[in-house]
Amino acid sequence: MKREKLDAIRDYHQDLIKDLGIHFMDFNMKMPFYDDKRRYVVGIFASEFKKEKGFFFELITRELDPLDKERKVYRVPPSSCFDEEYEINSIGSYLVPLEELRIVNPQSVAISKSSAVTSSDKVFSNKSKQVAEPAATPSRRETQPAVLEDAPYAEMTIRDYLAIRSGKPVSTKSWLNRLIQENNLTLPF
């Protein structure tokens, strides 16, 4: 039954898999759950962090059916320091909070193929807020020395463009909002 459900998910997303230029085995399904800290997470194995183009999956229910009607695809980017960033559970998978996942934009991928594999939208952001707020408890990455975040041009959203163009911190990317505020960033066009 699990094999049939996975095959059905891969069949549904076959055009996206082809556009991404990934092997069908690099596309899977994951069931989210709450960890002992009451965070909504998915278990990602070490081998999945090592996929050259990242690891792609759809979220499923306990019955192995798609979790949402929109059939969103999520991506975990390749990482060499995943073992320092995430906790490991008893079955050997690393607990990645859903809020750290990126949603794949199929239209963007269809146009620009693998150069535009993810959106910059946080998976579970509060849509009613104009600006994403930093988490109350800093992650390990936030407690390390500051590193300027960046994103490929292909990940720029209309909201990001408006933020840059107007010089107002209205992006959902907190690092971009900080950059705008600290540098009074606006483009001269």
C-alpha atoms as a PDB file:
ATOM      1  CA  MET A   1       0.000   0.000   0.000  1.00  0.00           C
ATOM      2  CA  LYS A   2       2.775   2.465   0.879  1.00  0.00           C
ATOM      3  CA  ARG A   3       4.525   1.797  -2.444  1.00  0.00           C
ATOM      4  CA  GLU A   4       1.271   2.436  -4.374  1.00  0.00           C
ATOM      5  CA  LYS A   5       0.641   5.711  -2.513  1.00  0.00           C
ATOM      6  CA  LEU A   6       4.216   6.881  -3.143  1.00  0.00           C
ATOM      7  CA  ASP A   7       3.962   5.948  -6.832  1.00  0.00           C
ATOM      8  CA  ALA A   8       0.687   7.917  -7.063  1.00  0.00           C
ATOM      9  CA  ILE A   9       2.340  10.982  -5.501  1.00  0.00           C
ATOM     10  CA  ARG A  10       5.319  10.719  -7.857  1.00  0.00           C
ATOM     11  CA  ASP A  11       2.970  10.283 -10.839  1.00  0.00           C
ATOM     12  CA  TYR A  12       1.006  13.371  -9.797  1.00  0.00           C
ATOM     13  CA  HIS A  13       4.217  15.433  -9.634  1.00  0.00           C
ATOM     14  CA  GLN A  14       5.994  13.832 -12.606  1.00  0.00           C
ATOM     15  CA  ASP A  15       6.156  17.091 -14.619  1.00  0.00           C
ATOM     16  CA  LEU A  16       7.713  18.914 -11.670  1.00  0.00           C
ATOM     17  CA  ILE A  17      10.207  16.089 -11.093  1.00  0.00           C
ATOM     18  CA  LYS A  18      11.197  16.289 -14.757  1.00  0.00           C
ATOM     19  CA  ASP A  19      11.483  20.106 -14.672  1.00  0.00           C
ATOM     20  CA  LEU A  20      13.647  19.914 -11.544  1.00  0.00           C
ATOM     21  CA  GLY A  21      15.925  17.442 -13.273  1.00  0.00           C
ATOM     22  CA  ILE A  22      15.956  15.121 -10.272  1.00  0.00           C
ATOM     23  CA  HIS A  23      15.738  11.363 -10.042  1.00  0.00           C
ATOM     24  CA  PHE A  24      12.290  10.135  -9.003  1.00  0.00           C
ATOM     25  CA  MET A  25      13.906   8.600  -5.889  1.00  0.00           C
ATOM     26  CA  ASP A  26      14.827  12.148  -4.767  1.00  0.00           C
ATOM     27  CA  PHE A  27      11.100  12.856  -4.459  1.00  0.00           C
ATOM     28  CA  ASN A  28       9.208  11.310  -1.577  1.00  0.00           C
ATOM     29  CA  MET A  29       6.454  11.783   0.980  1.00  0.00           C
ATOM     30  CA  LYS A  30       6.792  12.767   4.641  1.00  0.00           C
ATOM     31  CA  MET A  31       4.337  12.753   7.512  1.00  0.00           C
ATOM     32  CA  PRO A  32       4.716  15.740   9.862  1.00  0.00           C
ATOM     33  CA  PHE A  33       4.426  15.235  13.606  1.00  0.00           C
ATOM     34  CA  TYR A  34       4.971  17.034  16.898  1.00  0.00           C
ATOM     35  CA  ASP A  35       8.278  16.442  18.629  1.00  0.00           C
ATOM     36  CA  ASP A  36       8.786  16.471  22.399  1.00  0.00           C
ATOM     37  CA  LYS A  37       9.214  20.273  22.298  1.00  0.00           C
ATOM     38  CA  ARG A  38       5.772  20.633  20.677  1.00  0.00           C
ATOM     39  CA  ARG A  39       7.253  21.744  17.343  1.00  0.00           C
ATOM     40  CA  TYR A  40       5.669  20.544  14.113  1.00  0.00           C
ATOM     41  CA  VAL A  41       8.506  18.697  12.347  1.00  0.00           C
ATOM     42  CA  VAL A  42       9.395  16.168   9.662  1.00  0.00           C
ATOM     43  CA  GLY A  43      12.119  13.561   9.973  1.00  0.00           C
ATOM     44  CA  ILE A  44      14.875  13.978   7.389  1.00  0.00           C
ATOM     45  CA  PHE A  45      17.587  11.323   7.098  1.00  0.00           C
ATOM     46  CA  ALA A  46      21.271  12.143   6.629  1.00  0.00           C
ATOM     47  CA  SER A  47      21.231  10.753   3.083  1.00  0.00           C
ATOM     48  CA  GLU A  48      18.361  13.116   2.208  1.00  0.00           C
ATOM     49  CA  PHE A  49      20.424  16.158   3.249  1.00  0.00           C
ATOM     50  CA  LYS A  50      23.150  14.996   0.867  1.00  0.00           C
ATOM     51  CA  LYS A  51      21.084  15.063  -2.353  1.00  0.00           C
ATOM     52  CA  GLU A  52      22.827  17.326  -4.864  1.00  0.00           C
ATOM     53  CA  LYS A  53      19.754  19.413  -5.707  1.00  0.00           C
ATOM     54  CA  GLY A  54      18.057  18.963  -2.369  1.00  0.00           C
ATOM     55  CA  PHE A  55      15.380  16.575  -1.215  1.00  0.00           C
ATOM     56  CA  PHE A  56      11.780  17.111  -2.354  1.00  0.00           C
ATOM     57  CA  PHE A  57       8.578  15.766  -0.815  1.00  0.00           C
ATOM     58  CA  GLU A  58       4.869  16.187  -0.289  1.00  0.00           C
ATOM     59  CA  LEU A  59       3.359  16.113   3.197  1.00  0.00           C
ATOM     60  CA  ILE A  60       0.976  13.250   3.911  1.00  0.00           C
ATOM     61  CA  THR A  61      -1.512  12.137   6.541  1.00  0.00           C
ATOM     62  CA  ARG A  62      -1.286   9.031   8.683  1.00  0.00           C
ATOM     63  CA  GLU A  63      -3.346   7.277   5.981  1.00  0.00           C
ATOM     64  CA  LEU A  64      -0.638   8.207   3.415  1.00  0.00           C
ATOM     65  CA  ASP A  65      -2.925  10.646   1.613  1.00  0.00           C
ATOM     66  CA  PRO A  66      -1.815  14.175   0.623  1.00  0.00           C
ATOM     67  CA  LEU A  67      -2.074  16.498   3.632  1.00  0.00           C
ATOM     68  CA  ASP A  68      -3.341  19.561   1.764  1.00  0.00           C
ATOM     69  CA  LYS A  69      -5.577  20.104  -1.241  1.00  0.00           C
ATOM     70  CA  GLU A  70      -2.991  22.295  -2.975  1.00  0.00           C
ATOM     71  CA  ARG A  71      -0.530  19.374  -3.171  1.00  0.00           C
ATOM     72  CA  LYS A  72       2.412  21.582  -2.173  1.00  0.00           C
ATOM     73  CA  VAL A  73       5.920  20.261  -2.653  1.00  0.00           C
ATOM     74  CA  TYR A  74       8.596  21.062  -0.078  1.00  0.00           C
ATOM     75  CA  ARG A  75      12.364  21.101  -0.375  1.00  0.00           C
ATOM     76  CA  VAL A  76      15.153  20.559   2.100  1.00  0.00           C
ATOM     77  CA  PRO A  77      18.326  22.052   0.595  1.00  0.00           C
ATOM     78  CA  PRO A  78      21.584  20.115   0.645  1.00  0.00           C
ATOM     79  CA  SER A  79      23.513  20.644   3.865  1.00  0.00           C
ATOM     80  CA  SER A  80      26.825  19.463   5.211  1.00  0.00           C
ATOM     81  CA  CYS A  81      26.190  20.669   8.770  1.00  0.00           C
ATOM     82  CA  PHE A  82      22.681  19.251   9.317  1.00  0.00           C
ATOM     83  CA  ASP A  83      23.949  17.196  12.255  1.00  0.00           C
ATOM     84  CA  GLU A  84      24.915  20.429  14.041  1.00  0.00           C
ATOM     85  CA  GLU A  85      21.654  22.226  13.205  1.00  0.00           C
ATOM     86  CA  TYR A  86      19.015  19.610  13.980  1.00  0.00           C
ATOM     87  CA  GLU A  87      18.261  17.092  16.713  1.00  0.00           C
ATOM     88  CA  ILE A  88      18.323  13.420  15.838  1.00  0.00           C
ATOM     89  CA  ASN A  89      15.525  11.120  17.000  1.00  0.00           C
ATOM     90  CA  SER A  90      15.553   7.455  18.028  1.00  0.00           C
ATOM     91  CA  ILE A  91      15.087   6.164  14.459  1.00  0.00           C
ATOM     92  CA  GLY A  92      18.004   8.167  13.097  1.00  0.00           C
ATOM     93  CA  SER A  93      16.207  11.013  11.356  1.00  0.00           C
ATOM     94  CA  TYR A  94      16.844  14.691  12.003  1.00  0.00           C
ATOM     95  CA  LEU A  95      13.905  16.781  13.199  1.00  0.00           C
ATOM     96  CA  VAL A  96      13.398  19.709  10.811  1.00  0.00           C
ATOM     97  CA  PRO A  97      10.721  22.207  11.872  1.00  0.00           C
ATOM     98  CA  LEU A  98       8.146  22.819   9.143  1.00  0.00           C
ATOM     99  CA  GLU A  99       8.695  26.567   9.418  1.00  0.00           C
ATOM    100  CA  GLU A 100      12.221  26.066   8.033  1.00  0.00           C
ATOM    101  CA  LEU A 101      11.038  24.285   4.893  1.00  0.00           C
ATOM    102  CA  ARG A 102      10.636  26.002   1.552  1.00  0.00           C
ATOM    103  CA  ILE A 103       7.709  25.546  -0.798  1.00  0.00           C
ATOM    104  CA  VAL A 104       8.605  24.692  -4.380  1.00  0.00           C
ATOM    105  CA  ASN A 105       6.981  26.992  -6.929  1.00  0.00           C
ATOM    106  CA  PRO A 106       6.039  24.701  -9.868  1.00  0.00           C
ATOM    107  CA  GLN A 107       5.376  27.611 -12.245  1.00  0.00           C
ATOM    108  CA  SER A 108       8.772  29.130 -11.560  1.00  0.00           C
ATOM    109  CA  VAL A 109      10.445  25.757 -12.003  1.00  0.00           C
ATOM    110  CA  ALA A 110       8.593  25.163 -15.280  1.00  0.00           C
ATOM    111  CA  ILE A 111       9.917  28.479 -16.611  1.00  0.00           C
ATOM    112  CA  SER A 112      13.460  28.480 -15.304  1.00  0.00           C
ATOM    113  CA  LYS A 113      13.897  24.798 -14.397  1.00  0.00           C
ATOM    114  CA  SER A 114      16.171  23.971 -11.460  1.00  0.00           C
ATOM    115  CA  SER A 115      17.472  27.538 -11.052  1.00  0.00           C
ATOM    116  CA  ALA A 116      14.200  28.468  -9.339  1.00  0.00           C
ATOM    117  CA  VAL A 117      13.379  25.498  -7.155  1.00  0.00           C
ATOM    118  CA  THR A 118      11.978  27.210  -4.093  1.00  0.00           C
ATOM    119  CA  SER A 119       9.832  30.076  -3.049  1.00  0.00           C
ATOM    120  CA  SER A 120      10.945  32.351  -0.273  1.00  0.00           C
ATOM    121  CA  ASP A 121       7.676  31.931   1.596  1.00  0.00           C
ATOM    122  CA  LYS A 122       7.881  30.282   4.956  1.00  0.00           C
ATOM    123  CA  VAL A 123       5.666  27.228   5.089  1.00  0.00           C
ATOM    124  CA  PHE A 124       3.605  28.174   8.120  1.00  0.00           C
ATOM    125  CA  SER A 125       3.901  31.949   8.263  1.00  0.00           C
ATOM    126  CA  ASN A 126       1.017  33.984   9.567  1.00  0.00           C
ATOM    127  CA  LYS A 127      -0.509  35.473   6.411  1.00  0.00           C
ATOM    128  CA  SER A 128      -2.151  38.313   8.318  1.00  0.00           C
ATOM    129  CA  LYS A 129       1.186  39.810   9.362  1.00  0.00           C
ATOM    130  CA  GLN A 130       2.915  42.253   7.041  1.00  0.00           C
ATOM    131  CA  VAL A 131       6.401  41.377   8.255  1.00  0.00           C
ATOM    132  CA  ALA A 132       7.673  38.039   9.535  1.00  0.00           C
ATOM    133  CA  GLU A 133       8.765  38.364  13.133  1.00  0.00           C
ATOM    134  CA  PRO A 134      11.799  36.589  14.555  1.00  0.00           C
ATOM    135  CA  ALA A 135      11.160  33.509  16.636  1.00  0.00           C
ATOM    136  CA  ALA A 136      11.017  33.999  20.385  1.00  0.00           C
ATOM    137  CA  THR A 137      13.642  31.336  20.974  1.00  0.00           C
ATOM    138  CA  PRO A 138      16.682  31.726  18.739  1.00  0.00           C
ATOM    139  CA  SER A 139      17.814  28.703  16.774  1.00  0.00           C
ATOM    140  CA  ARG A 140      21.414  27.543  16.764  1.00  0.00           C
ATOM    141  CA  ARG A 141      21.953  29.390  13.515  1.00  0.00           C
ATOM    142  CA  GLU A 142      20.728  32.662  15.051  1.00  0.00           C
ATOM    143  CA  THR A 143      23.063  32.364  18.034  1.00  0.00           C
ATOM    144  CA  GLN A 144      26.127  31.924  15.836  1.00  0.00           C
ATOM    145  CA  PRO A 145      28.030  34.976  14.545  1.00  0.00           C
ATOM    146  CA  ALA A 146      25.921  37.018  12.152  1.00  0.00           C
ATOM    147  CA  VAL A 147      26.171  35.972   8.540  1.00  0.00           C
ATOM    148  CA  LEU A 148      24.448  38.046   5.901  1.00  0.00           C
ATOM    149  CA  GLU A 149      21.625  36.012   4.444  1.00  0.00           C
ATOM    150  CA  ASP A 150      20.905  36.124   0.767  1.00  0.00           C
ATOM    151  CA  ALA A 151      18.635  34.508  -1.767  1.00  0.00           C
ATOM    152  CA  PRO A 152      18.818  33.960  -5.509  1.00  0.00           C
ATOM    153  CA  TYR A 153      17.138  36.599  -7.656  1.00  0.00           C
ATOM    154  CA  ALA A 154      14.745  33.901  -8.856  1.00  0.00           C
ATOM    155  CA  GLU A 155      13.355  33.706  -5.301  1.00  0.00           C
ATOM    156  CA  MET A 156      12.382  37.384  -5.167  1.00  0.00           C
ATOM    157  CA  THR A 157       8.682  37.835  -4.587  1.00  0.00           C
ATOM    158  CA  ILE A 158       6.562  40.820  -5.534  1.00  0.00           C
ATOM    159  CA  ARG A 159       6.515  41.749  -1.847  1.00  0.00           C
ATOM    160  CA  ASP A 160      10.345  41.652  -1.781  1.00  0.00           C
ATOM    161  CA  TYR A 161      10.466  43.873  -4.870  1.00  0.00           C
ATOM    162  CA  LEU A 162       8.041  46.322  -3.266  1.00  0.00           C
ATOM    163  CA  ALA A 163      10.126  46.355  -0.079  1.00  0.00           C
ATOM    164  CA  ILE A 164      13.321  47.108  -2.004  1.00  0.00           C
ATOM    165  CA  ARG A 165      11.677  49.617  -4.337  1.00  0.00           C
ATOM    166  CA  SER A 166       9.851  51.538  -1.608  1.00  0.00           C
ATOM    167  CA  GLY A 167      12.474  51.226   1.103  1.00  0.00           C
ATOM    168  CA  LYS A 168       9.808  49.935   3.487  1.00  0.00           C
ATOM    169  CA  PRO A 169      10.307  46.680   5.447  1.00  0.00           C
ATOM    170  CA  VAL A 170       7.256  44.817   4.108  1.00  0.00           C
ATOM    171  CA  SER A 171       9.017  41.633   2.974  1.00  0.00           C
ATOM    172  CA  THR A 172       8.340  38.306   4.671  1.00  0.00           C
ATOM    173  CA  LYS A 173      12.126  37.859   4.828  1.00  0.00           C
ATOM    174  CA  SER A 174      13.230  39.360   8.123  1.00  0.00           C
ATOM    175  CA  TRP A 175      16.848  39.616   6.941  1.00  0.00           C
ATOM    176  CA  LEU A 176      15.751  41.716   3.936  1.00  0.00           C
ATOM    177  CA  ASN A 177      13.659  43.969   6.177  1.00  0.00           C
ATOM    178  CA  ARG A 178      16.664  44.474   8.482  1.00  0.00           C
ATOM    179  CA  LEU A 179      18.856  45.278   5.488  1.00  0.00           C
ATOM    180  CA  ILE A 180      16.349  47.852   4.259  1.00  0.00           C
ATOM    181  CA  GLN A 181      16.018  49.456   7.703  1.00  0.00           C
ATOM    182  CA  GLU A 182      19.756  49.530   8.418  1.00  0.00           C
ATOM    183  CA  ASN A 183      20.738  50.885   5.018  1.00  0.00           C
ATOM    184  CA  ASN A 184      17.694  52.902   3.965  1.00  0.00           C
ATOM    185  CA  LEU A 185      17.726  50.678   0.914  1.00  0.00           C
ATOM    186  CA  THR A 186      15.807  51.797  -2.173  1.00  0.00           C
ATOM    187  CA  LEU A 187      16.501  51.326  -5.833  1.00  0.00           C
ATOM    188  CA  PRO A 188      16.823  54.428  -8.040  1.00  0.00           C
ATOM    189  CA  PHE A 189      14.384  53.281 -10.738  1.00  0.00           C
END
